[in-house]
Protein backbone atom coordinates (compact mmCIF):
# COMPACT_ATOMS: atom_id res chain seq x y z
CA ASP A 1 129.27 82.98 198.39
CA ARG A 2 131.18 82.37 201.46
CA GLY A 3 129.74 81.79 204.97
CA GLU A 4 127.96 79.83 207.43
CA VAL A 5 124.17 78.95 207.38
CA TRP A 6 122.09 77.56 210.67
CA ALA A 7 118.66 77.29 210.30
CA THR A 8 116.13 75.55 212.75
CA GLY A 9 112.34 74.73 212.32
CA ALA A 10 112.80 74.94 208.51
CA GLY A 11 110.20 73.26 206.62
CA ASP A 12 111.37 72.79 202.78
CA ILE A 13 114.68 74.63 202.43
CA ASN A 14 117.05 74.89 199.66
CA VAL A 15 120.75 75.97 200.58
CA SER A 16 123.77 76.85 198.50
CA VAL A 17 127.18 78.01 199.82
CA GLY A 18 130.35 78.16 197.92
CA GLU A 19 132.58 77.91 200.87
CA GLY A 20 131.34 77.37 204.49
CA SER A 21 129.54 75.39 206.73
CA VAL A 22 125.76 74.52 206.65
CA ASP A 23 123.86 73.39 209.83
CA VAL A 24 119.99 72.65 209.28
CA GLU A 25 117.54 71.11 211.20
CA GLY A 26 114.13 70.94 209.45
CA SER A 27 110.96 68.65 208.60
CA GLY A 28 110.60 69.26 205.09
CA ARG A 29 112.45 68.29 201.73
CA THR A 30 116.30 69.50 202.10
CA THR A 31 118.44 70.25 199.50
CA ILE A 32 121.94 71.60 200.31
CA GLN A 33 125.00 72.57 198.16
CA VAL A 34 128.58 73.13 199.65
CA GLY A 35 131.28 73.65 197.52
CA SER A 36 134.09 73.68 200.07
CA GLY A 37 133.30 72.89 203.78
CA ASN A 38 130.71 70.62 205.98
CA ALA A 39 127.28 70.00 205.99
CA ARG A 40 125.17 68.79 209.11
CA VAL A 41 121.42 67.98 208.58
CA ILE A 42 118.63 66.82 211.26
CA ASN A 43 115.58 65.95 209.60
CA ARG A 44 112.82 63.92 211.28
CA HIS A 45 110.08 64.04 208.85
CA ALA A 46 111.36 64.71 205.27
CA ASP A 47 110.53 62.13 202.52
CA GLN A 48 113.78 63.46 200.52
CA VAL A 49 117.25 64.96 201.72
CA ARG A 50 119.74 65.81 199.05
CA VAL A 51 123.51 67.18 200.42
CA ALA A 52 126.53 67.69 197.92
CA VAL A 53 129.73 68.80 199.39
CA GLY A 54 132.69 69.00 196.96
CA ARG A 55 135.36 69.21 199.69
CA GLY A 56 134.61 68.39 203.04
CA ASN A 57 132.07 66.10 204.99
CA ILE A 58 128.36 65.45 205.59
CA GLN A 59 126.44 64.42 208.76
CA THR A 60 122.79 63.51 208.45
CA TYR A 61 120.47 62.67 211.09
CA VAL A 62 117.17 61.15 210.00
CA ALA A 63 114.19 58.90 210.94
CA PRO A 64 114.76 55.30 211.64
CA ASP A 65 113.00 54.10 208.91
CA SER A 66 113.83 52.65 205.32
CA TRP A 67 115.48 54.81 202.89
CA ASN A 68 116.25 54.48 199.47
CA ILE A 69 120.22 55.81 200.03
CA SER A 70 122.65 56.92 197.49
CA ILE A 71 126.13 57.95 198.69
CA VAL A 72 128.92 58.71 196.70
CA ALA A 73 131.92 59.36 199.36
CA SER A 74 135.72 58.40 200.06
CA GLY A 75 134.23 56.81 203.28
CA GLU A 76 130.45 56.38 204.86
CA SER A 77 128.85 54.94 207.93
CA LEU A 78 125.33 54.14 208.44
CA ASN A 79 123.88 53.55 212.13
CA GLY A 80 120.29 52.88 212.73
CA VAL A 81 118.88 53.65 209.27
CA ALA A 82 118.22 50.85 206.77
CA HIS A 83 118.80 50.97 202.97
CA ASP A 84 115.96 49.85 201.02
CA PRO A 85 116.09 50.50 197.45
CA ASP A 86 112.28 50.66 197.35
CA GLY A 87 111.84 52.48 200.36
CA PRO A 88 109.46 55.43 200.48
CA ARG A 89 112.38 58.04 201.68
CA SER A 90 115.13 59.16 199.66
CA LEU A 91 118.80 60.31 200.74
CA GLU A 92 121.10 61.54 198.04
CA LEU A 93 124.58 62.10 199.71
CA VAL A 94 127.45 63.10 197.40
CA ALA A 95 130.99 64.18 199.09
CA PRO A 96 133.67 62.74 196.73
CA ALA A 97 136.42 64.00 198.98
CA GLY A 98 135.13 63.45 202.17
CA ILE A 99 133.07 61.24 204.62
CA VAL A 100 129.41 60.76 204.65
CA SER A 101 127.89 59.75 208.07
CA VAL A 102 124.03 58.84 208.22
CA ARG A 103 122.66 57.94 211.74
CA SER A 104 118.93 57.91 213.24
CA VAL A 105 117.70 60.87 214.92
CA ALA A 106 116.61 58.18 217.66
CA GLY A 107 120.02 57.95 219.03
CA LEU A 108 120.72 61.95 218.93
CA GLN A 109 120.45 63.63 222.10
CA ASP A 110 120.53 67.74 223.36
CA SER A 111 123.86 68.48 224.69
CA GLY A 112 122.01 70.60 227.18
CA ARG A 113 124.10 73.69 226.16
CA PRO A 114 122.27 76.61 224.68
């Protein structure tokens, strides 16, 4: 499967793409798998976000809460999100050949473009 997926306003979502890009803004449990490409997730209310990218990068924007965070990547960045192994919310992010960034949605601003 090759292509691009954009979803906005989704509740629980599960997406799998062999090659391409996934850009999801949702409010429920999120599971994304991309063989080769990139994934961007914005989720303000989920208790679980799981993203795996075989070859590519992951950008994740979540609530500025405590999260039980598991990251496997060649590089990672956390900004405005606290890691707590006993946190009520779970982030599982896997990009063994890429970079994973996790940021708080509090710092996310609309570009003003349609």
